[in-house]
Protein backbone atom coordinates (compact mmCIF):
# COMPACT_ATOMS: atom_id res chain seq x y z
CA MET A 1 -98.63 59.67 84.47
CA THR A 2 -99.58 61.39 88.12
CA GLN A 3 -96.23 62.39 89.51
CA PRO A 4 -95.30 61.29 93.12
CA SER A 5 -94.24 63.69 95.64
CA VAL A 6 -91.37 61.43 96.61
CA ILE A 7 -89.50 60.59 93.39
CA LEU A 8 -86.96 57.64 94.32
CA ALA A 9 -84.98 55.91 91.11
CA THR A 10 -82.03 53.22 91.63
CA ALA A 11 -79.50 51.85 88.87
CA SER A 12 -77.88 48.57 89.11
CA TYR A 13 -75.18 46.79 87.32
CA ASP A 14 -77.88 44.94 85.73
CA HIS A 15 -78.51 47.44 83.22
CA THR A 16 -81.67 49.02 84.83
CA ILE A 17 -82.78 52.04 86.48
CA ARG A 18 -86.01 51.83 88.38
CA PHE A 19 -88.83 54.09 90.02
CA TRP A 20 -89.52 53.47 93.40
CA ASP A 21 -93.01 53.89 95.67
CA ALA A 22 -90.67 55.06 98.70
CA LYS A 23 -93.37 54.31 101.13
CA SER A 24 -94.51 50.86 100.13
CA GLY A 25 -91.45 49.73 98.23
CA ARG A 26 -93.19 48.47 95.10
CA CYS A 27 -91.68 49.43 91.67
CA TYR A 28 -93.35 50.97 89.42
CA ARG A 29 -91.52 51.64 86.52
CA THR A 30 -88.15 49.88 84.77
CA ILE A 31 -86.42 52.08 82.40
CA GLN A 32 -83.63 49.43 80.33
CA TYR A 33 -80.07 51.11 80.04
CA PRO A 34 -78.97 48.92 77.25
CA ASP A 35 -75.39 50.98 76.67
CA SER A 36 -73.84 51.06 79.45
CA GLN A 37 -73.89 50.37 83.78
CA VAL A 38 -75.32 53.70 85.19
CA ASN A 39 -72.56 55.29 87.50
CA ARG A 40 -74.75 58.44 89.31
CA LEU A 41 -78.52 59.30 89.32
CA GLU A 42 -79.72 62.79 89.93
CA ILE A 43 -82.82 64.29 89.99
CA THR A 44 -83.28 67.60 88.35
CA PRO A 45 -84.81 70.66 90.93
CA ASP A 46 -87.96 70.40 89.56
CA LYS A 47 -88.70 66.90 89.82
CA LYS A 48 -88.72 66.74 86.08
CA TYR A 49 -85.99 64.77 84.82
CA LEU A 50 -83.88 62.23 85.88
CA ALA A 51 -80.02 62.54 85.01
CA ALA A 52 -78.08 59.00 84.22
CA ALA A 53 -74.70 59.30 83.73
CA GLY A 54 -73.12 55.90 82.00
CA ASN A 55 -70.25 55.21 79.81
CA PRO A 56 -69.85 57.80 78.38
CA HIS A 57 -73.01 59.46 77.58
CA ILE A 58 -75.48 61.11 80.09
CA LYS A 59 -78.96 60.65 79.22
CA LEU A 60 -81.92 62.96 80.63
CA PHE A 61 -85.67 61.36 81.13
CA ASP A 62 -88.60 61.65 81.72
CA VAL A 63 -89.76 61.33 85.42
CA ASN A 64 -93.93 61.87 84.14
CA SER A 65 -93.57 59.59 81.16
CA ASN A 66 -93.61 55.91 80.72
CA SER A 67 -91.61 56.59 77.77
CA PRO A 68 -88.46 53.91 77.92
CA HIS A 69 -86.18 56.47 75.64
CA PRO A 70 -84.24 59.72 77.08
CA VAL A 71 -85.30 63.19 76.00
CA MET A 72 -82.11 64.15 75.51
CA SER A 73 -78.37 62.32 75.42
CA TYR A 74 -75.32 64.48 76.70
CA ASP A 75 -72.12 63.15 74.40
CA SER A 76 -68.81 64.97 74.59
CA HIS A 77 -66.93 62.98 77.50
CA THR A 78 -65.20 59.99 76.14
CA ALA A 79 -65.30 57.66 79.22
CA ASN A 80 -67.30 56.81 82.33
CA VAL A 81 -69.29 59.75 83.51
CA MET A 82 -68.76 59.66 87.50
CA ALA A 83 -70.50 62.44 88.70
CA VAL A 84 -73.72 64.64 87.61
CA GLY A 85 -75.48 67.74 89.09
CA PHE A 86 -77.72 70.30 88.75
CA GLN A 87 -77.63 74.19 89.44
CA CYS A 88 -80.13 75.36 91.75
CA ASP A 89 -82.88 76.58 89.42
CA GLY A 90 -81.98 73.46 87.07
CA ASN A 91 -80.72 75.89 84.21
CA TRP A 92 -77.53 74.02 83.52
CA MET A 93 -75.84 70.99 84.57
CA TYR A 94 -72.14 69.55 85.27
CA SER A 95 -70.82 66.46 85.25
CA GLY A 96 -67.41 65.01 85.99
CA SER A 97 -65.43 61.98 83.94
CA GLU A 98 -62.84 59.29 83.69
CA ASP A 99 -61.51 61.13 81.06
CA GLY A 100 -60.00 63.60 83.30
CA THR A 101 -62.56 66.19 82.43
CA VAL A 102 -65.28 68.29 84.33
CA LYS A 103 -68.09 69.64 82.27
CA ILE A 104 -70.96 72.25 82.10
CA TRP A 105 -74.13 71.90 79.84
CA ASP A 106 -77.27 73.91 79.13
CA LEU A 107 -79.81 71.76 79.38
CA ARG A 108 -81.45 73.61 76.68
CA ALA A 109 -79.08 73.25 74.58
CA PRO A 110 -77.29 70.06 72.92
CA GLY A 111 -73.64 70.09 73.45
CA CYS A 112 -71.21 70.74 75.97
CA GLN A 113 -70.46 74.46 76.81
CA ARG A 114 -67.77 74.75 78.95
CA GLU A 115 -64.74 71.88 80.20
CA TYR A 116 -61.89 71.88 82.54
CA ALA A 117 -59.19 69.91 82.46
CA SER A 118 -58.38 67.62 85.88
CA ARG A 119 -55.98 65.94 84.30
CA ALA A 120 -56.70 62.67 86.15
CA ALA A 121 -59.87 60.78 86.18
CA VAL A 122 -62.36 62.18 88.05
CA ASN A 123 -64.54 60.82 90.65
CA THR A 124 -66.23 63.50 92.39
CA VAL A 125 -67.80 66.79 91.49
CA VAL A 126 -69.98 68.94 93.96
CA LEU A 127 -71.36 72.16 93.54
CA HIS A 128 -70.74 75.14 96.03
CA PRO A 129 -74.07 76.55 97.41
CA ASN A 130 -72.66 79.97 95.75
CA GLN A 131 -73.25 78.09 92.53
CA THR A 132 -70.21 80.14 90.72
CA GLU A 133 -67.74 77.27 92.14
CA LEU A 134 -67.52 73.17 91.36
CA ILE A 135 -65.27 71.09 93.51
CA SER A 136 -63.73 68.10 91.70
CA GLY A 137 -62.08 64.98 93.25
CA ASP A 138 -59.72 62.73 91.23
CA GLN A 139 -58.07 59.32 91.25
CA ASN A 140 -54.80 61.03 92.08
CA GLY A 141 -55.76 63.10 95.16
CA ASN A 142 -56.23 66.12 93.71
CA ILE A 143 -59.02 68.31 94.91
CA ARG A 144 -59.89 71.39 92.46
CA VAL A 145 -62.12 74.32 92.73
CA TRP A 146 -63.42 75.41 89.27
CA ASP A 147 -64.38 79.06 89.74
CA LEU A 148 -67.41 79.78 87.02
CA THR A 149 -67.06 83.30 86.64
CA ALA A 150 -63.55 83.51 86.66
CA ASN A 151 -63.61 80.55 84.33
CA SER A 152 -60.27 78.83 85.70
CA CYS A 153 -58.87 76.45 88.36
CA SER A 154 -58.69 79.10 91.69
CA CYS A 155 -57.80 76.32 94.83
CA GLU A 156 -55.60 73.18 94.02
CA LEU A 157 -55.27 70.61 96.87
CA VAL A 158 -53.97 67.45 97.53
CA PRO A 159 -55.04 65.67 101.06
CA GLU A 160 -52.68 62.68 100.60
CA VAL A 161 -51.08 61.72 97.49
CA ASP A 162 -51.87 58.83 95.22
CA THR A 163 -54.97 58.33 97.23
CA ALA A 164 -57.87 58.61 95.39
CA VAL A 165 -60.44 61.14 96.68
CA ARG A 166 -63.64 58.42 96.04
CA SER A 167 -66.42 61.45 96.94
CA LEU A 168 -67.08 65.32 97.98
CA THR A 169 -70.08 67.06 99.97
CA VAL A 170 -69.96 70.64 100.76
CA MET A 171 -72.41 71.99 103.77
CA TRP A 172 -75.55 73.22 102.37
CA ASP A 173 -74.71 76.65 104.04
CA GLY A 174 -71.02 76.33 102.32
CA SER A 175 -68.82 76.53 105.75
CA LEU A 176 -67.38 73.11 105.12
CA VAL A 177 -66.38 70.33 102.86
CA VAL A 178 -65.14 66.81 103.16
CA ALA A 179 -63.28 64.44 101.13
CA ALA A 180 -63.13 60.81 101.74
CA ASN A 181 -60.72 58.71 100.25
CA ASN A 182 -60.08 54.96 99.08
CA HIS A 183 -57.79 54.32 102.59
CA GLY A 184 -61.49 54.96 104.60
CA ILE A 185 -60.50 58.46 105.63
CA CYS A 186 -62.61 61.68 105.59
CA TYR A 187 -60.90 64.82 105.54
CA VAL A 188 -62.65 68.17 106.73
CA TRP A 189 -61.79 71.47 105.88
CA ARG A 190 -63.30 74.73 107.11
CA LEU A 191 -64.50 76.89 103.98
CA LEU A 192 -63.51 80.59 104.44
CA ARG A 193 -63.87 83.35 102.15
CA GLY A 194 -61.01 85.24 101.35
CA ASN A 195 -61.03 88.58 100.25
CA GLN A 196 -61.85 87.82 96.78
CA THR A 197 -64.45 85.67 95.60
CA MET A 198 -61.86 82.81 95.99
CA THR A 199 -63.11 79.72 98.60
CA ASN A 200 -59.51 79.25 101.29
CA PHE A 201 -59.72 75.97 102.80
CA GLU A 202 -58.96 75.44 106.89
CA PRO A 203 -58.04 71.97 107.70
CA LEU A 204 -60.51 71.30 110.67
CA HIS A 205 -60.50 67.51 110.93
CA LYS A 206 -58.69 64.17 109.81
CA LEU A 207 -61.37 61.12 110.15
CA GLN A 208 -60.47 57.62 110.04
CA ALA A 209 -64.15 56.48 108.99
CA HIS A 210 -63.49 52.90 108.14
CA ASN A 211 -60.77 50.61 107.39
CA LYS A 212 -61.90 49.94 103.67
CA TYR A 213 -62.64 52.27 100.79
CA ILE A 214 -65.34 55.06 101.35
CA LEU A 215 -67.73 54.95 98.52
CA LYS A 216 -69.42 58.02 99.23
CA CYS A 217 -69.88 60.61 101.86
CA LEU A 218 -72.64 63.28 102.22
CA LEU A 219 -73.44 65.69 104.75
CA SER A 220 -77.01 66.15 105.93
CA PRO A 221 -79.19 68.98 104.05
CA GLU A 222 -80.56 72.80 105.31
CA PHE A 223 -83.87 71.45 106.97
CA CYS A 224 -82.14 68.80 109.13
CA ASP A 225 -80.85 71.82 110.94
CA PRO A 226 -79.73 72.44 113.96
CA HIS A 227 -78.42 68.62 113.71
CA ARG A 228 -75.59 68.37 111.46
CA TYR A 229 -74.54 65.19 110.11
CA LEU A 230 -71.75 63.46 108.09
CA ALA A 231 -72.92 59.98 106.32
CA THR A 232 -70.23 57.71 105.27
CA ALA A 233 -71.08 54.42 102.87
CA SER A 234 -68.21 51.88 102.58
CA ALA A 235 -66.98 48.66 101.16
CA ASP A 236 -67.29 47.34 104.42
CA HIS A 237 -71.21 46.71 104.22
CA THR A 238 -71.74 49.55 106.62
CA VAL A 239 -72.77 53.65 106.58
CA LYS A 240 -71.82 55.02 109.57
CA ILE A 241 -73.48 58.59 110.90
CA TRP A 242 -71.26 61.17 112.38
CA ASN A 243 -72.09 64.24 114.03
CA VAL A 244 -70.76 66.95 112.28
CA ASP A 245 -69.80 68.76 115.97
CA GLY A 246 -66.82 67.17 116.68
CA PHE A 247 -66.83 64.29 114.25
CA THR A 248 -68.54 61.64 116.57
CA LEU A 249 -69.57 58.20 115.60
CA GLU A 250 -73.65 59.06 116.21
CA LYS A 251 -74.91 55.39 114.66
CA THR A 252 -73.76 52.51 112.76
CA LEU A 253 -76.27 51.64 110.06
CA THR A 254 -75.81 47.88 109.74
CA GLY A 255 -77.89 45.77 107.06
CA HIS A 256 -76.72 45.59 103.70
CA GLN A 257 -74.45 42.23 102.53
CA ARG A 258 -72.32 43.68 100.53
CA TRP A 259 -70.39 46.96 99.51
CA VAL A 260 -72.77 50.37 99.99
CA TRP A 261 -71.98 52.37 97.28
CA ASP A 262 -74.41 55.67 97.41
CA CYS A 263 -76.53 57.53 99.65
CA VAL A 264 -78.57 60.09 100.24
CA PHE A 265 -80.48 62.04 102.47
CA SER A 266 -84.47 62.85 102.50
CA VAL A 267 -85.16 66.90 102.29
CA ASP A 268 -85.45 67.16 106.18
CA GLY A 269 -82.38 64.80 106.75
CA ALA A 270 -84.97 62.00 108.96
CA TYR A 271 -84.12 59.46 106.25
CA LEU A 272 -81.56 57.98 104.73
CA ILE A 273 -81.60 55.67 101.72
CA THR A 274 -78.72 53.66 100.34
CA ALA A 275 -77.81 51.32 97.57
CA SER A 276 -75.36 48.30 97.96
CA SER A 277 -73.75 45.58 95.77
CA ASP A 278 -76.33 43.26 97.31
CA MET A 279 -78.80 44.21 94.93
CA THR A 280 -80.85 46.43 97.25
CA ALA A 281 -81.78 49.93 98.57
CA ARG A 282 -82.99 50.33 101.55
CA LEU A 283 -84.62 53.18 103.68
CA TRP A 284 -83.83 54.30 107.36
CA SER A 285 -84.62 55.91 110.32
CA MET A 286 -82.11 58.23 111.35
CA ALA A 287 -83.39 58.77 114.92
CA SER A 288 -83.42 54.88 114.96
CA GLY A 289 -80.84 53.60 112.98
CA GLU A 290 -83.11 50.91 111.63
CA ALA A 291 -84.15 50.07 107.86
CA ILE A 292 -87.15 50.56 107.91
CA ARG A 293 -87.92 49.70 103.61
CA VAL A 294 -85.78 47.14 101.53
CA TYR A 295 -86.36 48.03 97.90
CA GLN A 296 -85.63 44.68 95.99
CA GLY A 297 -86.03 43.84 92.28
CA HIS A 298 -82.64 44.58 90.72
CA HIS A 299 -81.02 41.13 89.89
CA LYS A 300 -76.94 43.14 90.43
CA ALA A 301 -75.51 45.54 92.20
CA THR A 302 -77.50 48.39 92.75
CA VAL A 303 -75.03 50.77 92.78
CA CYS A 304 -76.86 54.69 93.07
CA CYS A 305 -79.94 56.09 94.28
CA ALA A 306 -81.48 59.49 93.73
CA LEU A 307 -84.20 60.92 95.47
CA HIS A 308 -86.13 64.39 95.74
CA ASP A 309 -88.93 64.46 98.26
CA GLY A 310 -88.88 68.56 98.99
CA ALA A 311 -90.30 71.08 96.93
CA GLU A 312 -89.83 72.45 93.51
CA PRO A 313 -88.01 75.77 93.62
CA SER A 314 -90.83 77.76 92.09
CA SER A 315 -93.07 76.94 95.09
CA SER A 316 -90.81 77.02 97.88
């Protein structure tokens, strides 16, 4: 299979993962995933593999093959895996699960290399751009920073007691972190470096973004600068785009008929892909706020999406 320059994949409660031609909207490959639903999808930095986080496994599929079988399965979580991502060179993968743990996996070896206990179901994990700290958010409302060099928890925050942290996002330059919760609120902190390597959180803003759950929050990528946006996807069927300078509302993306579970920016921040319970994924123009493509083919809720339209690390 010749590899498209844009990898776009979605997963659904219909137990399939679909790959789409981003421009035409045509589905060119479907992978059956009978074991469980897929909670999260992520593409490796080199565009070779797609990680699918399920219950309780993470499976890695070859992007450039037509094989229905995973090339690797990562198996030590004991409940839903809610978060998955990769270190910038693709050497290792991180994950977070409702079993209360955050794990690190060497992609070249079976088994889990490290495990951190969050003591509550983990909903979201992000890697700080410094590649040495993971930040997790859990069902009890805790945010924890895991220092991978010291191999310990270096910081704990509870923005709102007993309110689940649903999604975390970090600005590409490490300057901001945003946490979105079940009350539709985004907490924004400035990230400061102390004398040590430890990250310190300075409260910057509290944003009532939606009146229902926020299911995903995402800050815009580096090549979107000098424009900096925060996207919030919600159970109210909309995605809102906020200007990070002052957190004013720029646009509301309307068109989905049900909950919007996931979103991902294109590499230049000009487009946003969203996944919804209305069984579709959509491609939005950030300039117009309009949906310019609808990806239809799933038979149940579409709950996650992954996009890689940038260069591979080696060639950039």
